[in-house]
Amino acid sequence: MKFDKVALRSRPALILMILIMLALLQGCASLDDWPGVASGPDSDVRIEAGLREALEVGSQRAVNRLGRIDGYFADPNLRIPLPEAIEPAATQLRRLGLAGQLDELELAMNRAAELAAAEAGDVFIQAIRGLRPSDARAILNGGDDAATRFLRQTAGPTLTRRYQPIVANALNQVQAYQQFRELAERWNRLPTGRPLDFNLEDYVTERALDGLFQALADEEQRIRRDPVARTTALLREVFGGD
């Protein structure tokens, strides 16, 4: 009985001690203890180089994944749907027997994104090499997609400007503009009161880049978590490896 009272009185102290130990352990899991990389100027250079290489490797894998037939269209998470802005018109057009043409337009948008992705490698590489990762260690210690998010925040507008002509050319190749114009003409002849007017190029560019960045984030996560995905010596040095 006496032992039980002592144990009861000491429990808060025991809990406090455990919390302190956990805090100390978390403090030790800093970037200075990152596998293969010590602290200091030289290591910062290696970390910066490793992050760039991870993004370059990841972007190439993302391009290879999406820049092929059904890269977008067959992936339910990346497939580009008809714009929400034209859904009311699309509903009416389907009732008029134009469902097939709407489906062809959706397929054409995804085919354009796939064609554009196949040409996106150089655009991504140049954007990655133009980054200034002064906070490279923060990115390295960030979430599974920290580098991808950093790239999108810093280079997103530039990538959009450079990517848009690629998408426009792809939309023209798959005759998406023509399909959209034909549907718009059909709709605009109806007494709806509001013409169907939508910037197809902007929409497909935005959604295509969303898909590319999502695929890049997936690849970054693999490199961070899976040693098998670290296919170069630098990646293994910076992110650790067996």
Protein backbone atom coordinates (compact mmCIF):
# COMPACT_ATOMS: atom_id res chain seq x y z
CA MET A 1 0.00 0.00 0.00
CA LYS A 2 2.84 2.35 0.89
CA PHE A 3 4.52 1.57 -2.44
CA ASP A 4 1.32 2.41 -4.33
CA LYS A 5 1.16 5.88 -2.73
CA VAL A 6 4.77 6.61 -3.64
CA ALA A 7 4.20 5.47 -7.21
CA LEU A 8 1.08 7.62 -7.42
CA ARG A 9 2.92 10.69 -6.13
CA SER A 10 5.81 10.17 -8.55
CA ARG A 11 3.65 9.66 -11.65
CA PRO A 12 3.51 13.36 -12.64
CA ALA A 13 7.31 13.55 -12.35
CA LEU A 14 7.63 10.42 -14.47
CA ILE A 15 5.35 11.86 -17.14
CA LEU A 16 7.34 15.11 -17.13
CA MET A 17 10.58 13.18 -17.52
CA ILE A 18 9.18 11.25 -20.51
CA LEU A 19 8.06 14.48 -22.18
CA ILE A 20 11.51 16.02 -21.70
CA MET A 21 13.17 12.95 -23.19
CA LEU A 22 10.85 13.06 -26.20
CA ALA A 23 11.65 16.74 -26.73
CA LEU A 24 15.36 16.02 -26.59
CA LEU A 25 15.00 13.18 -29.08
CA GLN A 26 13.07 15.41 -31.46
CA GLY A 27 15.76 18.07 -31.12
CA CYS A 28 18.37 15.52 -32.17
CA ALA A 29 16.45 14.77 -35.36
CA SER A 30 17.63 18.00 -36.94
CA LEU A 31 19.19 18.46 -40.34
CA ASP A 32 22.62 18.35 -38.74
CA ASP A 33 21.92 14.66 -38.17
CA TRP A 34 20.55 14.08 -41.68
CA PRO A 35 21.95 10.86 -43.21
CA GLY A 36 25.24 11.46 -44.99
CA VAL A 37 25.26 15.25 -44.57
CA ALA A 38 26.97 17.18 -41.80
CA SER A 39 26.44 20.85 -41.05
CA GLY A 40 28.54 23.58 -42.59
CA PRO A 41 28.96 25.53 -45.86
CA ASP A 42 30.16 22.53 -47.85
CA SER A 43 27.20 20.44 -46.75
CA ASP A 44 24.82 23.26 -47.70
CA VAL A 45 26.24 23.16 -51.21
CA ARG A 46 25.75 19.39 -51.31
CA ILE A 47 22.20 19.70 -50.01
CA GLU A 48 21.40 22.36 -52.64
CA ALA A 49 22.85 20.15 -55.37
CA GLY A 50 20.96 17.14 -54.02
CA LEU A 51 17.65 18.99 -54.01
CA ARG A 52 18.18 20.14 -57.58
CA GLU A 53 19.06 16.63 -58.63
CA ALA A 54 16.01 15.22 -56.84
CA LEU A 55 13.78 17.70 -58.69
CA GLU A 56 15.46 16.98 -62.02
CA VAL A 57 15.17 13.21 -61.57
CA GLY A 58 11.61 13.54 -60.28
CA SER A 59 10.53 15.87 -63.08
CA GLN A 60 11.88 13.51 -65.73
CA ARG A 61 9.99 10.63 -64.17
CA ALA A 62 6.84 12.76 -64.00
CA VAL A 63 7.23 13.76 -67.66
CA ASN A 64 7.72 10.12 -68.65
CA ARG A 65 4.64 9.12 -66.67
CA LEU A 66 2.30 11.76 -68.10
CA GLY A 67 3.80 12.38 -71.53
CA ARG A 68 2.32 9.24 -73.08
CA ILE A 69 -1.07 8.07 -74.27
CA ASP A 70 -3.48 7.95 -71.32
CA GLY A 71 -0.93 9.54 -68.98
CA TYR A 72 -3.65 11.98 -67.90
CA PHE A 73 -6.79 10.45 -69.32
CA ALA A 74 -6.50 7.03 -67.63
CA ASP A 75 -5.50 8.44 -64.23
CA PRO A 76 -8.63 9.34 -62.21
CA ASN A 77 -6.59 11.72 -60.03
CA LEU A 78 -5.05 13.64 -62.94
CA ARG A 79 -7.65 13.36 -65.69
CA ILE A 80 -8.73 16.79 -66.94
CA PRO A 81 -12.54 17.09 -66.88
CA LEU A 82 -14.68 19.54 -68.79
CA PRO A 83 -14.51 22.97 -67.13
CA GLU A 84 -17.10 23.57 -64.41
CA ALA A 85 -17.89 26.89 -66.08
CA ILE A 86 -19.42 25.15 -69.08
CA GLU A 87 -21.16 22.30 -67.21
CA PRO A 88 -24.64 23.93 -67.39
CA ALA A 89 -24.23 24.22 -71.16
CA ALA A 90 -22.75 20.72 -71.34
CA THR A 91 -25.80 19.29 -69.57
CA GLN A 92 -28.12 20.88 -72.13
CA LEU A 93 -25.92 19.83 -75.05
CA ARG A 94 -25.96 16.22 -73.85
CA ARG A 95 -29.76 16.34 -73.85
CA LEU A 96 -29.60 17.51 -77.44
CA GLY A 97 -27.62 14.42 -78.42
CA LEU A 98 -24.16 15.99 -78.36
CA ALA A 99 -22.73 13.83 -75.57
CA GLY A 100 -20.31 12.20 -78.00
CA GLN A 101 -18.82 15.53 -79.05
CA LEU A 102 -18.43 16.59 -75.43
CA ASP A 103 -16.63 13.34 -74.66
CA GLU A 104 -14.38 13.91 -77.67
CA LEU A 105 -13.55 17.39 -76.38
CA GLU A 106 -12.64 16.02 -72.95
CA LEU A 107 -10.45 13.36 -74.52
CA ALA A 108 -8.79 15.97 -76.76
CA MET A 109 -7.96 18.17 -73.74
CA ASN A 110 -6.24 15.23 -72.05
CA ARG A 111 -4.42 14.25 -75.22
CA ALA A 112 -3.17 17.83 -75.52
CA ALA A 113 -1.91 17.72 -71.93
CA GLU A 114 -0.11 14.45 -72.68
CA LEU A 115 1.55 15.88 -75.77
CA ALA A 116 2.57 18.98 -73.85
CA ALA A 117 3.97 16.93 -70.96
CA ALA A 118 6.22 15.08 -73.38
CA GLU A 119 7.87 18.41 -74.18
CA ALA A 120 7.93 19.74 -70.62
CA GLY A 121 11.25 18.24 -69.54
CA ASP A 122 13.45 21.14 -70.66
CA VAL A 123 11.02 23.70 -69.25
CA PHE A 124 11.20 22.07 -65.83
CA ILE A 125 14.96 21.57 -65.89
CA GLN A 126 15.64 25.22 -66.71
CA ALA A 127 13.25 26.37 -63.99
CA ILE A 128 14.90 24.04 -61.46
CA ARG A 129 18.39 25.24 -62.34
CA GLY A 130 17.26 28.84 -61.99
CA LEU A 131 16.10 28.38 -58.39
CA ARG A 132 17.93 30.06 -55.52
CA PRO A 133 17.46 27.62 -52.62
CA SER A 134 19.07 29.72 -49.88
CA ASP A 135 16.81 27.84 -47.48
CA ALA A 136 17.82 24.43 -48.85
CA ARG A 137 18.03 22.86 -45.41
CA ALA A 138 14.50 23.98 -44.57
CA ILE A 139 13.27 22.41 -47.80
CA LEU A 140 15.17 19.21 -47.07
CA ASN A 141 13.62 19.00 -43.62
CA GLY A 142 10.18 19.94 -44.88
CA GLY A 143 7.30 17.71 -45.86
CA ASP A 144 7.41 14.99 -48.46
CA ASP A 145 6.66 17.51 -51.22
CA ALA A 146 8.53 20.54 -49.83
CA ALA A 147 10.84 20.92 -52.83
CA THR A 148 7.95 20.60 -55.28
CA ARG A 149 5.96 23.24 -53.42
CA PHE A 150 8.99 25.53 -53.34
CA LEU A 151 9.46 25.09 -57.09
CA ARG A 152 5.83 25.88 -57.78
CA GLN A 153 5.82 28.95 -55.55
CA THR A 154 9.01 30.41 -56.98
CA ALA A 155 8.88 29.29 -60.61
CA GLY A 156 5.16 28.65 -61.14
CA PRO A 157 4.35 31.86 -63.07
CA THR A 158 7.43 31.44 -65.29
CA LEU A 159 6.55 27.81 -65.96
CA THR A 160 2.97 28.79 -66.85
CA ARG A 161 4.17 31.39 -69.39
CA ARG A 162 6.59 28.96 -70.98
CA TYR A 163 4.21 26.02 -70.87
CA GLN A 164 1.19 27.77 -72.37
CA PRO A 165 2.49 27.85 -75.98
CA ILE A 166 3.28 24.13 -75.73
CA VAL A 167 -0.29 23.43 -74.63
CA ALA A 168 -1.71 25.70 -77.32
CA ASN A 169 0.22 23.83 -79.99
CA ALA A 170 -0.93 20.49 -78.58
CA LEU A 171 -4.58 21.64 -78.50
CA ASN A 172 -4.26 22.57 -82.14
CA GLN A 173 -2.71 19.20 -83.03
CA VAL A 174 -5.60 17.23 -81.52
CA GLN A 175 -8.21 19.63 -82.98
CA ALA A 176 -9.54 20.55 -79.55
CA TYR A 177 -10.06 24.17 -80.62
CA GLN A 178 -12.16 23.06 -83.57
CA GLN A 179 -14.26 20.74 -81.40
CA PHE A 180 -14.83 23.48 -78.86
CA ARG A 181 -15.79 26.01 -81.54
CA GLU A 182 -18.31 23.60 -83.04
CA LEU A 183 -19.91 22.98 -79.65
CA ALA A 184 -19.94 26.71 -78.88
CA GLU A 185 -21.62 27.48 -82.21
CA ARG A 186 -24.31 24.88 -81.52
CA TRP A 187 -24.89 26.26 -78.05
CA ASN A 188 -24.88 29.91 -79.12
CA ARG A 189 -27.66 29.23 -81.65
CA LEU A 190 -29.93 28.17 -78.80
CA PRO A 191 -32.11 30.79 -77.05
CA THR A 192 -30.13 30.51 -73.82
CA GLY A 193 -29.29 34.17 -73.54
CA ARG A 194 -25.66 33.55 -72.62
CA PRO A 195 -22.99 32.58 -75.20
CA LEU A 196 -20.55 29.81 -74.47
CA ASP A 197 -17.25 31.61 -74.10
CA PHE A 198 -14.31 29.98 -72.35
CA ASN A 199 -10.52 30.17 -72.60
CA LEU A 200 -9.68 26.56 -73.32
CA GLU A 201 -5.94 27.23 -73.52
CA ASP A 202 -5.71 28.76 -70.02
CA TYR A 203 -7.80 26.00 -68.50
CA VAL A 204 -5.85 23.10 -69.99
CA THR A 205 -2.52 24.79 -69.18
CA GLU A 206 -3.49 25.19 -65.53
CA ARG A 207 -4.82 21.65 -65.16
CA ALA A 208 -1.93 20.12 -67.08
CA LEU A 209 0.57 21.85 -64.79
CA ASP A 210 -1.44 20.78 -61.74
CA GLY A 211 -1.03 17.20 -62.93
CA LEU A 212 2.68 17.58 -63.60
CA PHE A 213 3.32 19.08 -60.17
CA GLN A 214 1.28 16.33 -58.53
CA ALA A 215 3.29 13.70 -60.35
CA LEU A 216 6.51 15.53 -59.38
CA ALA A 217 5.39 15.58 -55.72
CA ASP A 218 4.77 11.83 -55.92
CA GLU A 219 8.29 11.29 -57.23
CA GLU A 220 9.83 13.55 -54.59
CA GLN A 221 8.01 11.55 -51.92
CA ARG A 222 9.42 8.32 -53.36
CA ILE A 223 12.97 9.71 -53.31
CA ARG A 224 12.59 10.84 -49.70
CA ARG A 225 11.02 7.60 -48.46
CA ASP A 226 12.30 4.80 -50.67
CA PRO A 227 16.05 4.12 -50.94
CA VAL A 228 15.43 2.25 -54.21
CA ALA A 229 14.22 5.51 -55.79
CA ARG A 230 17.56 7.23 -55.04
CA THR A 231 19.21 6.29 -58.28
CA THR A 232 22.30 8.52 -58.10
CA ALA A 233 25.20 8.76 -55.65
CA LEU A 234 24.29 12.36 -54.77
CA LEU A 235 20.69 11.45 -53.96
CA ARG A 236 21.90 8.64 -51.72
CA GLU A 237 24.37 10.99 -50.01
CA VAL A 238 21.82 13.71 -49.30
CA PHE A 239 18.73 11.63 -48.61
CA GLY A 240 20.51 8.60 -47.19
CA GLY A 241 20.77 5.16 -48.70
CA ASP A 242 21.67 1.57 -48.03
